[in-house]
């Protein structure tokens, strides 16, 4: 059986870094399940790495073609940004294990689409003060910092990833991302355990 490991956590909880390190581990054999977005690309991001970046028109065409598995729209400080998973011909969930970064809402929709046996949650948690510090440091290096959006997202995550919502979606285990190498080792061991069932 193949799995989709869904990496989740509030903004600036270290998801991108853990994601990269897990993909670098060739023994895990994970493939990227890269989601799409209509938000502007950030400094240092590459299309097809963190996200596939689409225009609003391209997103609407994908919807019209019935190729959107799930999507979320956020009314940001800079307009509507969409995040979504596209069904495409390269997606082979019957024979490959995938790793994706997603929200709790997207995880639930993917679980409903692919089946609960296929979707495996991997949740990262970090102290709020440290997350805010990381978010601010990341935003400062952008060509056009979006501090207002950073604050909106930080506050929205408190509601989106509330203990009640995590419990309702049966999100376990929760990995405390304090020391990166330790977190990666713990998550790696967890994924190997699932793969070896």
Protein backbone atom coordinates (compact mmCIF):
# COMPACT_ATOMS: atom_id res chain seq x y z
CA UNK A 1 0.00 0.00 0.00
CA UNK A 2 1.19 3.54 -0.78
CA UNK A 3 0.77 6.60 1.40
CA UNK A 4 0.52 10.37 1.23
CA UNK A 5 2.30 11.85 4.24
CA UNK A 6 0.74 15.24 4.91
CA UNK A 7 3.08 17.61 6.77
CA UNK A 8 1.15 20.25 8.71
CA UNK A 9 1.69 22.97 11.26
CA UNK A 10 1.15 26.63 11.88
CA UNK A 11 3.08 29.18 9.83
CA UNK A 12 6.83 29.23 10.55
CA UNK A 13 6.76 25.90 12.37
CA UNK A 14 9.59 24.56 10.20
CA UNK A 15 7.52 22.62 7.67
CA UNK A 16 9.58 23.63 4.62
CA UNK A 17 12.88 22.66 6.25
CA UNK A 18 11.60 19.32 7.54
CA UNK A 19 9.99 18.68 4.15
CA UNK A 20 13.30 19.20 2.31
CA UNK A 21 15.22 16.95 4.70
CA UNK A 22 12.68 14.14 4.41
CA UNK A 23 12.82 14.32 0.62
CA UNK A 24 16.64 14.16 0.74
CA UNK A 25 16.43 10.82 2.58
CA UNK A 26 16.55 8.41 -0.37
CA UNK A 27 15.74 5.44 1.89
CA UNK A 28 12.27 6.90 2.49
CA UNK A 29 11.72 7.11 -1.27
CA UNK A 30 9.19 9.93 -0.98
CA UNK A 31 7.93 11.84 -4.01
CA UNK A 32 6.82 15.45 -3.90
CA UNK A 33 3.12 16.15 -4.02
CA UNK A 34 3.46 19.85 -4.74
CA UNK A 35 0.31 21.92 -4.34
CA UNK A 36 -0.62 25.02 -6.30
CA UNK A 37 -1.26 28.61 -5.35
CA UNK A 38 -2.21 31.92 -6.93
CA UNK A 39 -0.26 33.93 -4.36
CA UNK A 40 2.85 35.80 -5.55
CA UNK A 41 6.13 33.92 -5.47
CA UNK A 42 8.41 34.90 -2.57
CA UNK A 43 12.08 35.75 -2.75
CA UNK A 44 14.07 32.50 -2.91
CA UNK A 45 11.13 30.29 -3.96
CA UNK A 46 11.12 28.29 -7.19
CA UNK A 47 8.12 27.19 -9.20
CA UNK A 48 7.54 23.48 -8.62
CA UNK A 49 9.51 23.40 -5.37
CA UNK A 50 7.42 24.99 -2.59
CA UNK A 51 4.37 25.42 -4.85
CA UNK A 52 3.33 25.53 -8.46
CA UNK A 53 2.48 29.19 -9.04
CA UNK A 54 -0.60 29.85 -11.17
CA UNK A 55 -2.44 32.92 -12.32
CA UNK A 56 -6.08 33.37 -11.32
CA UNK A 57 -7.07 32.58 -14.90
CA UNK A 58 -5.10 29.31 -14.89
CA UNK A 59 -6.72 28.32 -11.58
CA UNK A 60 -10.18 28.99 -13.00
CA UNK A 61 -9.36 26.87 -16.07
CA UNK A 62 -8.21 23.97 -13.85
CA UNK A 63 -11.52 24.23 -11.99
CA UNK A 64 -13.47 24.27 -15.24
CA UNK A 65 -11.56 21.16 -16.37
CA UNK A 66 -12.46 19.34 -13.13
CA UNK A 67 -8.80 18.92 -12.15
CA UNK A 68 -8.93 20.50 -8.66
CA UNK A 69 -9.04 17.89 -5.87
CA UNK A 70 -9.34 20.44 -3.09
CA UNK A 71 -8.85 24.17 -2.68
CA UNK A 72 -8.96 26.93 -0.13
CA UNK A 73 -9.35 30.66 -0.76
CA UNK A 74 -8.01 33.27 1.64
CA UNK A 75 -8.99 36.93 1.67
CA UNK A 76 -5.54 38.31 2.42
CA UNK A 77 -4.29 41.82 2.91
CA UNK A 78 -3.26 41.67 -0.78
CA UNK A 79 -6.39 40.15 -2.31
CA UNK A 80 -7.73 36.61 -2.72
CA UNK A 81 -5.06 33.89 -2.72
CA UNK A 82 -6.01 30.32 -3.63
CA UNK A 83 -4.20 27.17 -2.52
CA UNK A 84 -5.12 23.86 -4.14
CA UNK A 85 -4.18 20.31 -5.11
CA UNK A 86 -4.32 19.42 -8.78
CA UNK A 87 -5.13 15.95 -10.11
CA UNK A 88 -2.61 15.34 -12.87
CA UNK A 89 -1.33 12.37 -14.85
CA UNK A 90 1.96 12.15 -12.92
CA UNK A 91 0.19 11.53 -9.61
CA UNK A 92 0.55 7.77 -8.98
CA UNK A 93 -0.75 7.13 -5.46
CA UNK A 94 -1.16 3.42 -6.14
CA UNK A 95 2.59 2.85 -6.47
CA UNK A 96 4.41 5.77 -4.83
CA UNK A 97 4.63 7.31 -1.38
CA UNK A 98 4.21 11.08 -1.46
CA UNK A 99 5.04 13.92 0.88
CA UNK A 100 3.10 17.17 0.85
CA UNK A 101 2.76 20.29 2.98
CA UNK A 102 -0.81 21.28 3.62
CA UNK A 103 -3.36 22.81 5.95
CA UNK A 104 -5.64 20.89 8.25
CA UNK A 105 -8.62 21.67 6.03
CA UNK A 106 -6.78 20.40 2.96
CA UNK A 107 -5.70 17.26 4.82
CA UNK A 108 -9.33 16.41 5.60
CA UNK A 109 -10.38 16.96 1.97
CA UNK A 110 -7.48 14.86 0.65
CA UNK A 111 -8.35 12.13 3.16
CA UNK A 112 -11.94 12.16 1.93
CA UNK A 113 -10.76 12.01 -1.71
CA UNK A 114 -8.01 9.35 -1.45
CA UNK A 115 -9.25 7.46 1.64
CA UNK A 116 -8.27 7.46 5.30
CA UNK A 117 -5.92 4.49 4.90
CA UNK A 118 -3.83 6.40 2.37
CA UNK A 119 -3.44 9.77 4.16
CA UNK A 120 -1.01 10.01 7.11
CA UNK A 121 -0.84 13.25 9.14
CA UNK A 122 2.52 14.56 10.38
CA UNK A 123 1.97 17.60 12.60
CA UNK A 124 4.76 19.96 13.72
CA UNK A 125 4.35 22.23 16.72
CA UNK A 126 6.54 25.16 17.79
CA UNK A 127 6.26 27.74 20.57
CA UNK A 128 4.27 30.75 19.35
CA UNK A 129 6.97 33.26 20.29
CA UNK A 130 9.58 31.39 18.26
CA UNK A 131 7.18 31.06 15.31
CA UNK A 132 6.52 34.80 15.31
CA UNK A 133 10.24 35.54 15.44
CA UNK A 134 10.88 33.19 12.49
CA UNK A 135 8.03 34.70 10.48
CA UNK A 136 9.34 38.22 11.04
CA UNK A 137 12.88 37.24 10.05
CA UNK A 138 11.60 35.57 6.87
CA UNK A 139 9.47 38.56 5.92
CA UNK A 140 12.25 41.10 6.49
CA UNK A 141 14.36 39.62 3.67
CA UNK A 142 11.56 39.84 1.09
CA UNK A 143 11.88 42.48 -1.63
CA UNK A 144 8.42 43.71 -0.58
CA UNK A 145 7.72 42.57 3.00
CA UNK A 146 4.05 41.83 3.67
CA UNK A 147 3.89 42.31 7.44
CA UNK A 148 0.13 42.78 7.49
CA UNK A 149 -0.40 39.44 5.75
CA UNK A 150 2.14 37.79 8.06
CA UNK A 151 0.12 38.93 11.09
CA UNK A 152 -3.18 37.85 9.53
CA UNK A 153 -1.82 34.39 8.83
CA UNK A 154 -0.31 34.05 12.30
CA UNK A 155 -3.66 34.84 13.93
CA UNK A 156 -5.66 32.70 11.49
CA UNK A 157 -3.48 29.69 12.33
CA UNK A 158 -4.54 29.90 15.97
CA UNK A 159 -8.09 29.18 14.89
CA UNK A 160 -7.35 26.81 12.00
CA UNK A 161 -5.06 24.58 14.09
CA UNK A 162 -6.96 24.85 17.37
CA UNK A 163 -6.76 21.83 19.72
CA UNK A 164 -10.44 21.15 18.98
CA UNK A 165 -9.84 21.07 15.21
CA UNK A 166 -6.80 18.82 15.59
CA UNK A 167 -8.80 16.43 17.76
CA UNK A 168 -11.76 16.44 15.36
CA UNK A 169 -9.46 15.52 12.44
CA UNK A 170 -7.71 12.81 14.52
CA UNK A 171 -4.27 14.40 14.13
CA UNK A 172 -1.69 12.30 15.96
CA UNK A 173 1.14 12.20 16.78
CA UNK A 174 2.29 15.79 17.31
CA UNK A 175 6.03 16.41 16.88
CA UNK A 176 7.58 19.24 18.91
CA UNK A 177 9.99 20.97 16.49
CA UNK A 178 12.49 22.35 19.01
CA UNK A 179 15.76 20.85 17.75
CA UNK A 180 15.57 20.35 13.99
CA UNK A 181 17.77 17.25 13.68
CA UNK A 182 15.89 15.50 16.49
CA UNK A 183 12.54 16.35 14.90
CA UNK A 184 13.67 15.05 11.50
CA UNK A 185 14.93 11.82 13.11
CA UNK A 186 11.61 11.33 14.94
CA UNK A 187 9.50 12.00 11.85
CA UNK A 188 11.75 9.78 9.71
CA UNK A 189 11.36 6.90 12.17
CA UNK A 190 7.59 7.42 12.22
CA UNK A 191 7.34 7.38 8.41
CA UNK A 192 9.52 4.25 8.15
CA UNK A 193 7.29 2.56 10.69
CA UNK A 194 4.21 3.32 8.58
CA UNK A 195 5.93 2.18 5.37
CA UNK A 196 7.02 -1.12 6.96
CA UNK A 197 3.57 -2.14 8.21
